[in-house]
Amino acid sequence: MIKDILKILENDARTTTKQISAITGTSSIEVAKLIKQAEKDRTILKYKTVINWDKVGNEQVWALIEVKVTPQKDVGFDSIAERIYRFPQARTVYLISGTYDLLVMAVGKTEHEVADFVSQKLSHIEGVNETITHFVLKRYKEDGEIIGGEEEVKRQPVIL
């Protein structure tokens, strides 16, 4: 039951308890109680809105930064990851497999601001050995939402 409710909210956080109740066949009171509990125990961490900032003229520079680190004794990658995710420029931090250990999604107003974050803050953290920065040139899809394009699939005309 809670998984169904969470899937509905993940797809559209604006879905009301009444709508969820109709979809799941659960009473609105029970739905509200389950949501409240999920918020309390941090199963639901945040309600998010995906915004196409280009439409309002608020340019942002996004970068994906691969970070190679030396894990620390007794805490592994967690301590370094925590130091990184405390910076406001770090929007997302993942522990990943492969050549690099962490993937950081950083956002700034300019490329220079993101570059300063990498060169002045990120690279100076003890245990950070190497970084590779990839600037995002265009966002096509984010969190399941198509950015700036049409939702429907466009078919090529058939010429006979």
C-alpha atoms as a PDB file:
ATOM      1  CA  MET A   1       0.000   0.000   0.000  1.00  0.00           C
ATOM      2  CA  ILE A   2       2.642   2.570   1.015  1.00  0.00           C
ATOM      3  CA  LYS A   3       4.709   1.713  -2.081  1.00  0.00           C
ATOM      4  CA  ASP A   4       1.735   2.534  -4.310  1.00  0.00           C
ATOM      5  CA  ILE A   5       1.254   5.855  -2.542  1.00  0.00           C
ATOM      6  CA  LEU A   6       4.960   6.675  -2.816  1.00  0.00           C
ATOM      7  CA  LYS A   7       4.995   5.883  -6.550  1.00  0.00           C
ATOM      8  CA  ILE A   8       2.037   8.200  -7.099  1.00  0.00           C
ATOM      9  CA  LEU A   9       3.691  11.027  -5.145  1.00  0.00           C
ATOM     10  CA  GLU A  10       7.041  10.469  -6.843  1.00  0.00           C
ATOM     11  CA  ASN A  11       5.354  10.906 -10.208  1.00  0.00           C
ATOM     12  CA  ASP A  12       3.388  14.003  -9.121  1.00  0.00           C
ATOM     13  CA  ALA A  13       3.793  15.428  -5.613  1.00  0.00           C
ATOM     14  CA  ARG A  14       0.684  17.583  -6.141  1.00  0.00           C
ATOM     15  CA  THR A  15      -1.590  14.534  -6.110  1.00  0.00           C
ATOM     16  CA  THR A  16      -4.084  15.042  -3.288  1.00  0.00           C
ATOM     17  CA  THR A  17      -4.919  12.482  -0.630  1.00  0.00           C
ATOM     18  CA  LYS A  18      -8.415  12.299  -2.134  1.00  0.00           C
ATOM     19  CA  GLN A  19      -6.984  11.462  -5.571  1.00  0.00           C
ATOM     20  CA  ILE A  20      -4.585   8.895  -4.069  1.00  0.00           C
ATOM     21  CA  SER A  21      -7.508   7.400  -2.163  1.00  0.00           C
ATOM     22  CA  ALA A  22      -9.497   6.987  -5.390  1.00  0.00           C
ATOM     23  CA  ILE A  23      -6.526   5.398  -7.196  1.00  0.00           C
ATOM     24  CA  THR A  24      -5.562   2.986  -4.412  1.00  0.00           C
ATOM     25  CA  GLY A  25      -8.987   2.256  -2.925  1.00  0.00           C
ATOM     26  CA  THR A  26      -7.738   3.334   0.509  1.00  0.00           C
ATOM     27  CA  SER A  27      -9.527   5.868   2.677  1.00  0.00           C
ATOM     28  CA  SER A  28      -8.280   9.474   2.551  1.00  0.00           C
ATOM     29  CA  ILE A  29      -7.653   9.365   6.293  1.00  0.00           C
ATOM     30  CA  GLU A  30      -5.446   6.258   5.963  1.00  0.00           C
ATOM     31  CA  VAL A  31      -3.576   7.806   2.995  1.00  0.00           C
ATOM     32  CA  ALA A  32      -2.916  11.000   4.970  1.00  0.00           C
ATOM     33  CA  LYS A  33      -1.728   8.954   7.967  1.00  0.00           C
ATOM     34  CA  LEU A  34       0.664   6.898   5.827  1.00  0.00           C
ATOM     35  CA  ILE A  35       2.070  10.018   4.136  1.00  0.00           C
ATOM     36  CA  LYS A  36       2.546  11.756   7.493  1.00  0.00           C
ATOM     37  CA  GLN A  37       4.420   8.703   8.840  1.00  0.00           C
ATOM     38  CA  ALA A  38       6.584   8.514   5.693  1.00  0.00           C
ATOM     39  CA  GLU A  39       7.516  12.190   6.150  1.00  0.00           C
ATOM     40  CA  LYS A  40       8.259  11.654   9.829  1.00  0.00           C
ATOM     41  CA  ASP A  41      10.526   8.637   9.307  1.00  0.00           C
ATOM     42  CA  ARG A  42      12.216  10.329   6.298  1.00  0.00           C
ATOM     43  CA  THR A  43      10.980   7.842   3.720  1.00  0.00           C
ATOM     44  CA  ILE A  44       9.677  10.963   1.971  1.00  0.00           C
ATOM     45  CA  LEU A  45      12.634  13.336   2.075  1.00  0.00           C
ATOM     46  CA  LYS A  46      11.342  16.251   0.029  1.00  0.00           C
ATOM     47  CA  TYR A  47       8.699  17.279  -2.465  1.00  0.00           C
ATOM     48  CA  LYS A  48      10.362  18.500  -5.643  1.00  0.00           C
ATOM     49  CA  THR A  49       9.374  20.624  -8.600  1.00  0.00           C
ATOM     50  CA  VAL A  50      11.299  20.220 -11.849  1.00  0.00           C
ATOM     51  CA  ILE A  51      11.644  23.645 -13.479  1.00  0.00           C
ATOM     52  CA  ASN A  52      12.769  24.582 -16.963  1.00  0.00           C
ATOM     53  CA  TRP A  53      14.772  27.648 -15.872  1.00  0.00           C
ATOM     54  CA  ASP A  54      15.473  28.629 -19.484  1.00  0.00           C
ATOM     55  CA  LYS A  55      11.794  29.614 -19.813  1.00  0.00           C
ATOM     56  CA  VAL A  56      12.143  32.288 -17.117  1.00  0.00           C
ATOM     57  CA  GLY A  57      15.547  33.559 -18.207  1.00  0.00           C
ATOM     58  CA  ASN A  58      17.396  32.323 -15.130  1.00  0.00           C
ATOM     59  CA  GLU A  59      20.492  30.762 -16.612  1.00  0.00           C
ATOM     60  CA  GLN A  60      22.284  28.138 -14.596  1.00  0.00           C
ATOM     61  CA  VAL A  61      25.415  26.190 -15.328  1.00  0.00           C
ATOM     62  CA  TRP A  62      25.261  22.505 -14.454  1.00  0.00           C
ATOM     63  CA  ALA A  63      28.297  20.269 -14.180  1.00  0.00           C
ATOM     64  CA  LEU A  64      28.879  16.599 -13.466  1.00  0.00           C
ATOM     65  CA  ILE A  65      32.110  16.154 -11.557  1.00  0.00           C
ATOM     66  CA  GLU A  66      33.781  12.775 -11.187  1.00  0.00           C
ATOM     67  CA  VAL A  67      35.883  12.630  -8.037  1.00  0.00           C
ATOM     68  CA  LYS A  68      38.579  10.090  -7.192  1.00  0.00           C
ATOM     69  CA  VAL A  69      39.244   9.860  -3.457  1.00  0.00           C
ATOM     70  CA  THR A  70      41.240   7.897  -0.923  1.00  0.00           C
ATOM     71  CA  PRO A  71      38.749   6.339   1.490  1.00  0.00           C
ATOM     72  CA  GLN A  72      39.428   7.142   5.126  1.00  0.00           C
ATOM     73  CA  LYS A  73      40.046   4.477   7.729  1.00  0.00           C
ATOM     74  CA  ASP A  74      36.912   3.371   9.613  1.00  0.00           C
ATOM     75  CA  VAL A  75      34.563   5.695   7.652  1.00  0.00           C
ATOM     76  CA  GLY A  76      35.374   4.863   4.031  1.00  0.00           C
ATOM     77  CA  PHE A  77      33.917   7.342   1.572  1.00  0.00           C
ATOM     78  CA  ASP A  78      31.238   8.737   3.882  1.00  0.00           C
ATOM     79  CA  SER A  79      33.315  11.440   5.575  1.00  0.00           C
ATOM     80  CA  ILE A  80      34.583  12.907   2.290  1.00  0.00           C
ATOM     81  CA  ALA A  81      31.135  12.671   0.698  1.00  0.00           C
ATOM     82  CA  GLU A  82      29.665  14.551   3.672  1.00  0.00           C
ATOM     83  CA  ARG A  83      32.213  17.355   3.347  1.00  0.00           C
ATOM     84  CA  ILE A  84      31.320  17.667  -0.337  1.00  0.00           C
ATOM     85  CA  TYR A  85      27.529  17.568   0.034  1.00  0.00           C
ATOM     86  CA  ARG A  86      27.636  20.362   2.624  1.00  0.00           C
ATOM     87  CA  PHE A  87      28.670  22.855  -0.100  1.00  0.00           C
ATOM     88  CA  PRO A  88      25.657  24.684  -1.579  1.00  0.00           C
ATOM     89  CA  GLN A  89      26.990  24.160  -5.114  1.00  0.00           C
ATOM     90  CA  ALA A  90      26.748  20.366  -4.701  1.00  0.00           C
ATOM     91  CA  ARG A  91      23.150  19.528  -5.629  1.00  0.00           C
ATOM     92  CA  THR A  92      23.631  15.757  -5.750  1.00  0.00           C
ATOM     93  CA  VAL A  93      26.408  13.444  -4.556  1.00  0.00           C
ATOM     94  CA  TYR A  94      26.582   9.736  -5.379  1.00  0.00           C
ATOM     95  CA  LEU A  95      29.044   6.962  -4.521  1.00  0.00           C
ATOM     96  CA  ILE A  96      29.615   5.189  -7.833  1.00  0.00           C
ATOM     97  CA  SER A  97      31.461   2.194  -9.215  1.00  0.00           C
ATOM     98  CA  GLY A  98      34.149   2.453 -11.858  1.00  0.00           C
ATOM     99  CA  THR A  99      37.285   4.532 -12.254  1.00  0.00           C
ATOM    100  CA  TYR A 100      36.027   7.360 -10.040  1.00  0.00           C
ATOM    101  CA  ASP A 101      34.438   7.065  -6.616  1.00  0.00           C
ATOM    102  CA  LEU A 102      31.987   9.953  -6.346  1.00  0.00           C
ATOM    103  CA  LEU A 103      29.781  11.758  -8.837  1.00  0.00           C
ATOM    104  CA  VAL A 104      28.846  15.318  -7.895  1.00  0.00           C
ATOM    105  CA  MET A 105      26.199  17.341  -9.698  1.00  0.00           C
ATOM    106  CA  ALA A 106      27.072  20.987  -9.152  1.00  0.00           C
ATOM    107  CA  VAL A 107      25.143  24.110 -10.133  1.00  0.00           C
ATOM    108  CA  GLY A 108      26.321  27.694 -10.400  1.00  0.00           C
ATOM    109  CA  LYS A 109      25.409  30.962 -12.085  1.00  0.00           C
ATOM    110  CA  THR A 110      28.435  30.819 -14.399  1.00  0.00           C
ATOM    111  CA  GLU A 111      31.048  28.333 -15.579  1.00  0.00           C
ATOM    112  CA  HIS A 112      33.571  30.396 -13.622  1.00  0.00           C
ATOM    113  CA  GLU A 113      31.579  29.884 -10.403  1.00  0.00           C
ATOM    114  CA  VAL A 114      31.487  26.111 -10.917  1.00  0.00           C
ATOM    115  CA  ALA A 115      35.184  26.062 -11.839  1.00  0.00           C
ATOM    116  CA  ASP A 116      35.991  28.002  -8.634  1.00  0.00           C
ATOM    117  CA  PHE A 117      34.011  25.454  -6.628  1.00  0.00           C
ATOM    118  CA  VAL A 118      36.098  22.641  -8.131  1.00  0.00           C
ATOM    119  CA  SER A 119      39.493  24.355  -7.927  1.00  0.00           C
ATOM    120  CA  GLN A 120      39.119  26.270  -4.665  1.00  0.00           C
ATOM    121  CA  LYS A 121      36.901  24.018  -2.556  1.00  0.00           C
ATOM    122  CA  LEU A 122      36.481  20.489  -3.889  1.00  0.00           C
ATOM    123  CA  SER A 123      40.087  19.808  -4.890  1.00  0.00           C
ATOM    124  CA  HIS A 124      41.404  21.066  -1.517  1.00  0.00           C
ATOM    125  CA  ILE A 125      39.475  18.502   0.539  1.00  0.00           C
ATOM    126  CA  GLU A 126      41.846  16.033   2.164  1.00  0.00           C
ATOM    127  CA  GLY A 127      41.476  12.688   0.429  1.00  0.00           C
ATOM    128  CA  VAL A 128      40.364  14.120  -2.923  1.00  0.00           C
ATOM    129  CA  ASN A 129      42.971  12.941  -5.444  1.00  0.00           C
ATOM    130  CA  GLU A 130      41.533  13.829  -8.823  1.00  0.00           C
ATOM    131  CA  THR A 131      38.509  15.419 -10.465  1.00  0.00           C
ATOM    132  CA  ILE A 132      37.091  15.529 -13.957  1.00  0.00           C
ATOM    133  CA  THR A 133      34.455  18.154 -14.699  1.00  0.00           C
ATOM    134  CA  HIS A 134      31.855  17.775 -17.447  1.00  0.00           C
ATOM    135  CA  PHE A 135      29.752  20.868 -18.136  1.00  0.00           C
ATOM    136  CA  VAL A 136      26.169  20.119 -19.135  1.00  0.00           C
ATOM    137  CA  LEU A 137      25.518  21.680 -22.534  1.00  0.00           C
ATOM    138  CA  LYS A 138      21.801  20.909 -22.731  1.00  0.00           C
ATOM    139  CA  ARG A 139      19.298  19.142 -20.513  1.00  0.00           C
ATOM    140  CA  TYR A 140      16.874  16.919 -22.422  1.00  0.00           C
ATOM    141  CA  LYS A 141      15.208  15.046 -19.573  1.00  0.00           C
ATOM    142  CA  GLU A 142      15.354  15.371 -15.798  1.00  0.00           C
ATOM    143  CA  ASP A 143      13.648  13.267 -13.143  1.00  0.00           C
ATOM    144  CA  GLY A 144      11.491  11.652 -15.810  1.00  0.00           C
ATOM    145  CA  GLU A 145      10.365  14.968 -17.308  1.00  0.00           C
ATOM    146  CA  ILE A 146      11.235  16.099 -20.813  1.00  0.00           C
ATOM    147  CA  ILE A 147      12.800  19.570 -20.709  1.00  0.00           C
ATOM    148  CA  GLY A 148      11.856  22.061 -23.408  1.00  0.00           C
ATOM    149  CA  GLY A 149      10.474  19.529 -25.844  1.00  0.00           C
ATOM    150  CA  GLU A 150       7.174  18.034 -26.734  1.00  0.00           C
ATOM    151  CA  GLU A 151       5.968  15.110 -24.671  1.00  0.00           C
ATOM    152  CA  GLU A 152       4.390  13.297 -27.601  1.00  0.00           C
ATOM    153  CA  VAL A 153       6.477  11.232 -29.975  1.00  0.00           C
ATOM    154  CA  LYS A 154       6.763  12.859 -33.362  1.00  0.00           C
ATOM    155  CA  ARG A 155       6.541  10.448 -36.257  1.00  0.00           C
ATOM    156  CA  GLN A 156       8.099  10.991 -39.613  1.00  0.00           C
ATOM    157  CA  PRO A 157       5.538  11.365 -42.408  1.00  0.00           C
ATOM    158  CA  VAL A 158       5.052   8.329 -44.595  1.00  0.00           C
ATOM    159  CA  ILE A 159       5.469   9.140 -48.283  1.00  0.00           C
ATOM    160  CA  LEU A 160       3.892   6.726 -50.753  1.00  0.00           C
END
